[in-house]
Structures are given as C-alpha cells and as structure tokens.
N, C-alpha and C. Protein backbone atom coordinates (compact mmCIF):
# COMPACT_ATOMS: atom_id res chain seq x y z
N UNK A 1 -19.38 -7.83 -3.56
CA UNK A 1 -18.45 -7.50 -2.50
C UNK A 1 -19.23 -7.35 -1.19
N UNK A 2 -18.99 -8.21 -0.26
CA UNK A 2 -19.71 -8.17 1.01
C UNK A 2 -18.78 -7.73 2.14
N UNK A 3 -19.41 -7.29 3.21
CA UNK A 3 -18.64 -6.85 4.38
C UNK A 3 -18.30 -8.08 5.21
N UNK A 4 -17.04 -8.24 5.53
CA UNK A 4 -16.57 -9.39 6.28
C UNK A 4 -16.54 -9.13 7.77
N UNK A 5 -16.28 -10.20 8.51
CA UNK A 5 -16.21 -10.12 9.97
C UNK A 5 -15.11 -9.17 10.42
N UNK A 6 -13.94 -9.24 9.78
CA UNK A 6 -12.81 -8.41 10.21
C UNK A 6 -13.07 -6.93 9.96
N UNK A 7 -13.77 -6.61 8.91
CA UNK A 7 -14.08 -5.21 8.64
C UNK A 7 -15.03 -4.65 9.70
N UNK A 8 -16.02 -5.44 10.09
CA UNK A 8 -16.95 -5.02 11.14
C UNK A 8 -16.21 -4.89 12.47
N UNK A 9 -15.31 -5.83 12.76
CA UNK A 9 -14.55 -5.79 14.01
C UNK A 9 -13.68 -4.54 14.09
N UNK A 10 -13.04 -4.16 12.98
CA UNK A 10 -12.20 -2.96 12.97
C UNK A 10 -13.05 -1.71 13.21
N UNK A 11 -14.22 -1.63 12.58
CA UNK A 11 -15.09 -0.48 12.77
C UNK A 11 -15.55 -0.38 14.22
N UNK A 12 -15.93 -1.50 14.82
CA UNK A 12 -16.37 -1.51 16.22
C UNK A 12 -15.24 -1.07 17.14
N UNK A 13 -14.04 -1.56 16.90
CA UNK A 13 -12.90 -1.18 17.73
C UNK A 13 -12.62 0.32 17.61
N UNK A 14 -12.69 0.85 16.41
CA UNK A 14 -12.47 2.29 16.22
C UNK A 14 -13.53 3.13 16.94
N UNK A 15 -14.77 2.69 16.87
CA UNK A 15 -15.85 3.44 17.54
C UNK A 15 -15.64 3.42 19.05
N UNK A 16 -15.28 2.27 19.60
CA UNK A 16 -15.05 2.17 21.05
C UNK A 16 -13.85 3.03 21.46
N UNK A 17 -12.82 3.05 20.65
CA UNK A 17 -11.66 3.88 20.98
C UNK A 17 -11.99 5.37 20.92
N UNK A 18 -12.79 5.77 19.95
CA UNK A 18 -13.13 7.18 19.80
C UNK A 18 -14.08 7.68 20.89
N UNK A 19 -15.11 6.90 21.18
CA UNK A 19 -16.15 7.37 22.09
C UNK A 19 -16.04 6.81 23.49
N UNK A 20 -15.47 5.67 23.66
CA UNK A 20 -15.38 5.04 24.98
C UNK A 20 -16.63 4.25 25.29
N UNK A 21 -16.46 3.23 26.14
CA UNK A 21 -17.60 2.36 26.47
C UNK A 21 -18.68 3.09 27.23
N UNK A 22 -18.32 3.99 28.13
CA UNK A 22 -19.31 4.69 28.95
C UNK A 22 -20.19 5.61 28.13
N UNK A 23 -19.61 6.30 27.18
CA UNK A 23 -20.38 7.21 26.33
C UNK A 23 -21.35 6.45 25.45
N UNK A 24 -20.92 5.31 24.91
CA UNK A 24 -21.79 4.51 24.05
C UNK A 24 -22.95 3.93 24.84
N UNK A 25 -22.69 3.43 26.04
CA UNK A 25 -23.78 2.85 26.84
C UNK A 25 -24.77 3.92 27.28
N UNK A 26 -24.31 5.11 27.62
CA UNK A 26 -25.25 6.17 28.01
C UNK A 26 -26.06 6.64 26.80
N UNK A 27 -25.44 6.65 25.64
CA UNK A 27 -26.15 7.03 24.42
C UNK A 27 -27.24 6.02 24.10
N UNK A 28 -26.94 4.74 24.24
CA UNK A 28 -27.94 3.69 23.99
C UNK A 28 -29.08 3.78 25.00
N UNK A 29 -28.77 4.13 26.25
CA UNK A 29 -29.81 4.31 27.26
C UNK A 29 -30.73 5.47 26.90
N UNK A 30 -30.16 6.56 26.41
CA UNK A 30 -30.97 7.71 25.99
C UNK A 30 -31.84 7.36 24.79
N UNK A 31 -31.31 6.58 23.86
CA UNK A 31 -32.10 6.16 22.70
C UNK A 31 -33.27 5.29 23.15
N UNK A 32 -33.03 4.39 24.08
CA UNK A 32 -34.10 3.52 24.58
C UNK A 32 -35.18 4.33 25.28
N UNK A 33 -34.80 5.33 26.07
CA UNK A 33 -35.79 6.19 26.73
C UNK A 33 -36.62 6.95 25.71
N UNK A 34 -35.97 7.43 24.65
CA UNK A 34 -36.69 8.15 23.60
C UNK A 34 -37.69 7.26 22.89
N UNK A 35 -37.31 6.02 22.60
CA UNK A 35 -38.22 5.09 21.93
C UNK A 35 -39.40 4.77 22.83
N UNK A 36 -39.17 4.54 24.11
CA UNK A 36 -40.26 4.25 25.05
C UNK A 36 -41.21 5.44 25.16
N UNK A 37 -40.66 6.64 25.22
CA UNK A 37 -41.48 7.84 25.31
C UNK A 37 -42.31 8.02 24.04
N UNK A 38 -41.71 7.76 22.88
CA UNK A 38 -42.43 7.88 21.62
C UNK A 38 -43.58 6.88 21.55
N UNK A 39 -43.33 5.63 21.94
CA UNK A 39 -44.38 4.61 21.91
C UNK A 39 -45.51 4.97 22.88
N UNK A 40 -45.16 5.48 24.06
CA UNK A 40 -46.17 5.87 25.04
C UNK A 40 -47.01 7.03 24.51
N UNK A 41 -46.36 8.00 23.87
CA UNK A 41 -47.08 9.12 23.30
C UNK A 41 -48.00 8.71 22.18
N UNK A 42 -47.56 7.80 21.34
CA UNK A 42 -48.41 7.33 20.24
C UNK A 42 -49.60 6.55 20.78
N UNK A 43 -49.41 5.78 21.83
CA UNK A 43 -50.50 4.98 22.40
C UNK A 43 -51.55 5.89 23.03
N UNK A 44 -51.14 6.95 23.71
CA UNK A 44 -52.12 7.84 24.34
C UNK A 44 -52.83 8.70 23.32
N UNK A 45 -52.15 9.11 22.25
CA UNK A 45 -52.79 9.90 21.20
C UNK A 45 -53.85 9.10 20.48
N UNK A 46 -53.61 7.83 20.23
CA UNK A 46 -54.56 7.00 19.50
C UNK A 46 -55.82 6.77 20.31
N UNK A 47 -55.72 6.66 21.64
CA UNK A 47 -56.89 6.39 22.46
C UNK A 47 -57.64 7.67 22.82
N UNK A 48 -56.97 8.81 22.92
CA UNK A 48 -57.61 10.05 23.31
C UNK A 48 -58.45 10.67 22.20
N UNK A 49 -57.98 10.62 20.98
CA UNK A 49 -58.65 11.29 19.87
C UNK A 49 -59.43 10.30 19.04
N UNK A 50 -60.64 9.97 19.48
CA UNK A 50 -61.46 9.07 18.69
C UNK A 50 -62.21 9.84 17.61
N UNK A 51 -62.44 11.14 17.81
CA UNK A 51 -63.15 11.96 16.84
C UNK A 51 -62.25 13.13 16.44
N UNK A 52 -62.04 13.33 15.13
CA UNK A 52 -61.20 14.45 14.72
C UNK A 52 -61.83 15.79 15.06
N UNK A 53 -61.00 16.76 15.39
CA UNK A 53 -61.47 18.08 15.78
C UNK A 53 -61.31 19.05 14.63
N UNK A 54 -62.23 19.99 14.50
CA UNK A 54 -62.13 21.02 13.49
C UNK A 54 -61.48 22.24 14.13
N UNK A 55 -60.27 22.53 13.74
CA UNK A 55 -59.50 23.60 14.38
C UNK A 55 -60.09 24.97 14.06
N UNK A 56 -60.59 25.16 12.85
CA UNK A 56 -61.10 26.49 12.46
C UNK A 56 -62.33 26.87 13.28
N UNK A 57 -63.19 25.92 13.62
CA UNK A 57 -64.36 26.23 14.45
C UNK A 57 -63.93 26.62 15.86
N UNK A 58 -62.93 25.97 16.39
CA UNK A 58 -62.44 26.29 17.73
C UNK A 58 -61.86 27.69 17.77
N UNK A 59 -61.13 28.09 16.73
CA UNK A 59 -60.54 29.42 16.68
C UNK A 59 -61.61 30.50 16.57
N UNK A 60 -62.66 30.25 15.81
CA UNK A 60 -63.73 31.23 15.67
C UNK A 60 -64.48 31.40 16.99
N UNK A 61 -64.71 30.31 17.70
CA UNK A 61 -65.39 30.41 18.99
C UNK A 61 -64.58 31.22 19.98
N UNK A 62 -63.27 31.00 20.02
CA UNK A 62 -62.44 31.74 20.98
C UNK A 62 -62.35 33.21 20.59
N UNK A 63 -62.38 33.52 19.30
CA UNK A 63 -62.35 34.93 18.88
C UNK A 63 -63.65 35.63 19.25
N UNK A 64 -64.78 34.98 19.15
CA UNK A 64 -66.07 35.58 19.50
C UNK A 64 -66.17 35.85 21.01
N UNK A 65 -65.57 35.01 21.81
CA UNK A 65 -65.62 35.21 23.26
C UNK A 65 -64.78 36.39 23.70
N UNK A 66 -63.71 36.69 22.98
CA UNK A 66 -62.84 37.80 23.35
C UNK A 66 -63.51 39.14 23.07
N UNK A 67 -64.36 39.22 22.08
CA UNK A 67 -64.97 40.49 21.69
C UNK A 67 -66.09 40.91 22.57
C-alpha cells in the first residue's frame, strides 16, 4: 500500500489551511537559519580544538589559585 498523489495533496491542503502560507514560510526561514548556525558552529569547533583539553587539570589549577 503506497501513498498516492491525491493523499499527499489533501495533506498539503489541510496543512496550508490550518497554518496559513505566511506561518509556514516563516517557519521554514527559521529552520534554515538554525541549520546554517549549526553548520557554522560545527565548522568553528572542528578548527579551534585541535588538541583535546583535560577538564580536571583546569579545575584543579583554578582551585589552587583561589586559595
């Protein structure tokens, strides 16, 4: 049993009627901004951290400086 063209068309029409064209287009714009931001964040993280950091050593150093 496969999904036919008419079934997809009915679902699309119902979604447009429920949400409206303006709401759907703004939602897609927000999704695109989120994807671009995620890709940019992943690209900068990969280039910035070439050597893994030991978090426990950093915490011990900061605790010794406070005392």
